[in-house]
Amino acid sequence: MRNLARAACLSFALVAGAVAAQAQLPSLPTPDPPGLQEPSAIRTATVIERRSLPPQLRVQVDSAVAQTSPDDLRQLRQAIDTIPAATKALQARGMNAAAVIAVAVDEDGDLTLIAEESI
């Protein structure tokens, strides 16, 4: 779980600016993102496709993803599957947790999922 939190924090730090470009988004989270450990703490979930990110942020996300182990990514996706709001937001886009490459959680319980458009 510690690796999952580290991956989520790393992903968040790199995509916070990208998400802010899409909507009003959270500041840096606490070391253990609350939503990934307590699925009921998630209030809303938003999906942003990687291709819609500005090019410089897309490069940063790609770099973070390249440094994330397959096991950490698998654990992250399993955690996302336990969050009803995330599952619903992904399904609305015709996606599932397998499309998620990064996440961001703010203290208000707003979850942002960065998804790859083609798996």
C-alpha atoms as a PDB file:
ATOM      1  CA  MET A   1       0.000   0.000   0.000  1.00  0.00           C
ATOM      2  CA  ARG A   2       2.934   2.314   0.669  1.00  0.00           C
ATOM      3  CA  ASN A   3       4.086   1.880  -2.964  1.00  0.00           C
ATOM      4  CA  LEU A   4       0.572   2.678  -4.131  1.00  0.00           C
ATOM      5  CA  ALA A   5       0.531   5.884  -2.108  1.00  0.00           C
ATOM      6  CA  ARG A   6       3.972   6.827  -3.426  1.00  0.00           C
ATOM      7  CA  ALA A   7       2.882   6.212  -7.021  1.00  0.00           C
ATOM      8  CA  ALA A   8      -0.284   8.224  -6.498  1.00  0.00           C
ATOM      9  CA  CYS A   9       1.615  11.123  -4.947  1.00  0.00           C
ATOM     10  CA  LEU A  10       4.219  11.103  -7.708  1.00  0.00           C
ATOM     11  CA  SER A  11       1.529  10.977 -10.342  1.00  0.00           C
ATOM     12  CA  PHE A  12      -0.377  13.744  -8.620  1.00  0.00           C
ATOM     13  CA  ALA A  13       2.614  16.039  -8.378  1.00  0.00           C
ATOM     14  CA  LEU A  14       3.218  15.716 -12.084  1.00  0.00           C
ATOM     15  CA  VAL A  15      -0.340  16.090 -13.252  1.00  0.00           C
ATOM     16  CA  ALA A  16      -1.671  18.702 -10.828  1.00  0.00           C
ATOM     17  CA  GLY A  17      -0.883  21.452 -13.312  1.00  0.00           C
ATOM     18  CA  ALA A  18      -2.479  19.486 -16.134  1.00  0.00           C
ATOM     19  CA  VAL A  19      -5.623  18.951 -14.200  1.00  0.00           C
ATOM     20  CA  ALA A  20      -5.737  22.616 -13.268  1.00  0.00           C
ATOM     21  CA  ALA A  21      -5.730  23.370 -16.980  1.00  0.00           C
ATOM     22  CA  GLN A  22      -8.898  21.284 -17.291  1.00  0.00           C
ATOM     23  CA  ALA A  23     -10.672  22.443 -14.137  1.00  0.00           C
ATOM     24  CA  GLN A  24     -10.122  23.907 -10.706  1.00  0.00           C
ATOM     25  CA  LEU A  25      -7.975  21.242  -9.054  1.00  0.00           C
ATOM     26  CA  PRO A  26      -6.436  20.322  -5.774  1.00  0.00           C
ATOM     27  CA  SER A  27      -3.224  21.301  -4.123  1.00  0.00           C
ATOM     28  CA  LEU A  28      -0.615  18.708  -3.196  1.00  0.00           C
ATOM     29  CA  PRO A  29      -2.060  15.854  -1.135  1.00  0.00           C
ATOM     30  CA  THR A  30      -0.921  14.416   2.141  1.00  0.00           C
ATOM     31  CA  PRO A  31       1.604  11.553   1.856  1.00  0.00           C
ATOM     32  CA  ASP A  32      -1.200   8.969   1.901  1.00  0.00           C
ATOM     33  CA  PRO A  33      -3.953  10.113  -0.494  1.00  0.00           C
ATOM     34  CA  PRO A  34      -7.173   9.673   1.498  1.00  0.00           C
ATOM     35  CA  GLY A  35      -9.386   8.495  -1.334  1.00  0.00           C
ATOM     36  CA  LEU A  36      -7.251   5.553  -2.341  1.00  0.00           C
ATOM     37  CA  GLN A  37      -7.238   4.146   1.160  1.00  0.00           C
ATOM     38  CA  GLU A  38     -10.831   5.075   2.007  1.00  0.00           C
ATOM     39  CA  PRO A  39     -12.982   4.710  -1.137  1.00  0.00           C
ATOM     40  CA  SER A  40     -15.971   6.237   0.656  1.00  0.00           C
ATOM     41  CA  ALA A  41     -13.969   9.479   1.076  1.00  0.00           C
ATOM     42  CA  ILE A  42     -14.165  10.145  -2.682  1.00  0.00           C
ATOM     43  CA  ARG A  43     -16.845  12.712  -3.424  1.00  0.00           C
ATOM     44  CA  THR A  44     -16.453  13.079  -7.190  1.00  0.00           C
ATOM     45  CA  ALA A  45     -14.328  11.588  -9.935  1.00  0.00           C
ATOM     46  CA  THR A  46     -13.265  13.184 -13.203  1.00  0.00           C
ATOM     47  CA  VAL A  47     -11.559  11.468 -16.118  1.00  0.00           C
ATOM     48  CA  ILE A  48      -9.067  13.368 -18.271  1.00  0.00           C
ATOM     49  CA  GLU A  49      -7.570  11.693 -21.299  1.00  0.00           C
ATOM     50  CA  ARG A  50      -3.812  11.891 -21.635  1.00  0.00           C
ATOM     51  CA  ARG A  51      -4.076  13.258 -25.175  1.00  0.00           C
ATOM     52  CA  SER A  52      -5.975  16.317 -23.911  1.00  0.00           C
ATOM     53  CA  LEU A  53      -3.096  17.370 -21.657  1.00  0.00           C
ATOM     54  CA  PRO A  54      -0.784  20.173 -22.812  1.00  0.00           C
ATOM     55  CA  PRO A  55       2.328  18.680 -24.483  1.00  0.00           C
ATOM     56  CA  GLN A  56       4.769  19.585 -21.697  1.00  0.00           C
ATOM     57  CA  LEU A  57       2.541  17.989 -19.065  1.00  0.00           C
ATOM     58  CA  ARG A  58       1.983  14.949 -21.244  1.00  0.00           C
ATOM     59  CA  VAL A  59       5.764  14.462 -21.298  1.00  0.00           C
ATOM     60  CA  GLN A  60       5.888  14.716 -17.497  1.00  0.00           C
ATOM     61  CA  VAL A  61       3.059  12.201 -17.099  1.00  0.00           C
ATOM     62  CA  ASP A  62       4.758   9.837 -19.544  1.00  0.00           C
ATOM     63  CA  SER A  63       7.989  10.129 -17.583  1.00  0.00           C
ATOM     64  CA  ALA A  64       6.239   9.358 -14.291  1.00  0.00           C
ATOM     65  CA  VAL A  65       4.421   6.396 -15.816  1.00  0.00           C
ATOM     66  CA  ALA A  66       7.704   5.043 -17.194  1.00  0.00           C
ATOM     67  CA  GLN A  67       9.118   5.117 -13.651  1.00  0.00           C
ATOM     68  CA  THR A  68       6.098   3.364 -12.129  1.00  0.00           C
ATOM     69  CA  SER A  69       6.463  -0.374 -11.741  1.00  0.00           C
ATOM     70  CA  PRO A  70       3.848  -2.634 -13.323  1.00  0.00           C
ATOM     71  CA  ASP A  71       2.977  -3.889  -9.833  1.00  0.00           C
ATOM     72  CA  ASP A  72       2.378  -0.347  -8.517  1.00  0.00           C
ATOM     73  CA  LEU A  73       0.191   0.436 -11.521  1.00  0.00           C
ATOM     74  CA  ARG A  74      -1.749  -2.806 -11.012  1.00  0.00           C
ATOM     75  CA  GLN A  75      -2.300  -1.941  -7.337  1.00  0.00           C
ATOM     76  CA  LEU A  76      -3.428   1.566  -8.273  1.00  0.00           C
ATOM     77  CA  ARG A  77      -5.942   0.184 -10.771  1.00  0.00           C
ATOM     78  CA  GLN A  78      -7.243  -2.325  -8.214  1.00  0.00           C
ATOM     79  CA  ALA A  79      -7.756   0.513  -5.729  1.00  0.00           C
ATOM     80  CA  ILE A  80      -9.635   2.513  -8.385  1.00  0.00           C
ATOM     81  CA  ASP A  81     -11.956  -0.461  -8.944  1.00  0.00           C
ATOM     82  CA  THR A  82     -13.067  -0.170  -5.300  1.00  0.00           C
ATOM     83  CA  ILE A  83     -14.193   3.452  -5.719  1.00  0.00           C
ATOM     84  CA  PRO A  84     -17.756   3.632  -7.060  1.00  0.00           C
ATOM     85  CA  ALA A  85     -17.460   7.248  -8.247  1.00  0.00           C
ATOM     86  CA  ALA A  86     -14.300   6.394 -10.202  1.00  0.00           C
ATOM     87  CA  THR A  87     -15.864   3.321 -11.787  1.00  0.00           C
ATOM     88  CA  LYS A  88     -18.924   5.328 -12.785  1.00  0.00           C
ATOM     89  CA  ALA A  89     -16.843   8.176 -14.272  1.00  0.00           C
ATOM     90  CA  LEU A  90     -14.745   5.722 -16.275  1.00  0.00           C
ATOM     91  CA  GLN A  91     -17.792   3.811 -17.519  1.00  0.00           C
ATOM     92  CA  ALA A  92     -19.366   7.082 -18.664  1.00  0.00           C
ATOM     93  CA  ARG A  93     -16.342   7.466 -20.949  1.00  0.00           C
ATOM     94  CA  GLY A  94     -16.485   3.838 -22.103  1.00  0.00           C
ATOM     95  CA  MET A  95     -13.384   2.991 -20.049  1.00  0.00           C
ATOM     96  CA  ASN A  96     -12.392   0.967 -17.022  1.00  0.00           C
ATOM     97  CA  ALA A  97      -9.571   1.112 -14.476  1.00  0.00           C
ATOM     98  CA  ALA A  98      -7.168  -0.515 -16.960  1.00  0.00           C
ATOM     99  CA  ALA A  99      -7.081   2.816 -18.830  1.00  0.00           C
ATOM    100  CA  VAL A 100      -5.868   4.812 -15.801  1.00  0.00           C
ATOM    101  CA  ILE A 101      -2.211   5.802 -15.802  1.00  0.00           C
ATOM    102  CA  ALA A 102      -2.174   8.459 -13.028  1.00  0.00           C
ATOM    103  CA  VAL A 103      -4.413   9.891 -10.322  1.00  0.00           C
ATOM    104  CA  ALA A 104      -4.854  12.996  -8.197  1.00  0.00           C
ATOM    105  CA  VAL A 105      -6.888  13.306  -4.994  1.00  0.00           C
ATOM    106  CA  ASP A 106      -7.545  16.536  -3.139  1.00  0.00           C
ATOM    107  CA  GLU A 107      -8.533  17.014   0.489  1.00  0.00           C
ATOM    108  CA  ASP A 108     -12.168  17.574  -0.501  1.00  0.00           C
ATOM    109  CA  GLY A 109     -12.416  14.066  -1.933  1.00  0.00           C
ATOM    110  CA  ASP A 110     -12.249  15.037  -5.601  1.00  0.00           C
ATOM    111  CA  LEU A 111     -10.473  12.349  -7.608  1.00  0.00           C
ATOM    112  CA  THR A 112      -8.956  13.042 -11.014  1.00  0.00           C
ATOM    113  CA  LEU A 113      -8.074  10.076 -13.185  1.00  0.00           C
ATOM    114  CA  ILE A 114      -5.632  10.510 -16.060  1.00  0.00           C
ATOM    115  CA  ALA A 115      -6.478   7.849 -18.612  1.00  0.00           C
ATOM    116  CA  GLU A 116      -4.784   6.575 -21.729  1.00  0.00           C
ATOM    117  CA  GLU A 117      -7.221   6.645 -24.598  1.00  0.00           C
ATOM    118  CA  SER A 118      -5.997   3.375 -26.105  1.00  0.00           C
ATOM    119  CA  ILE A 119      -4.727   0.481 -24.087  1.00  0.00           C
END
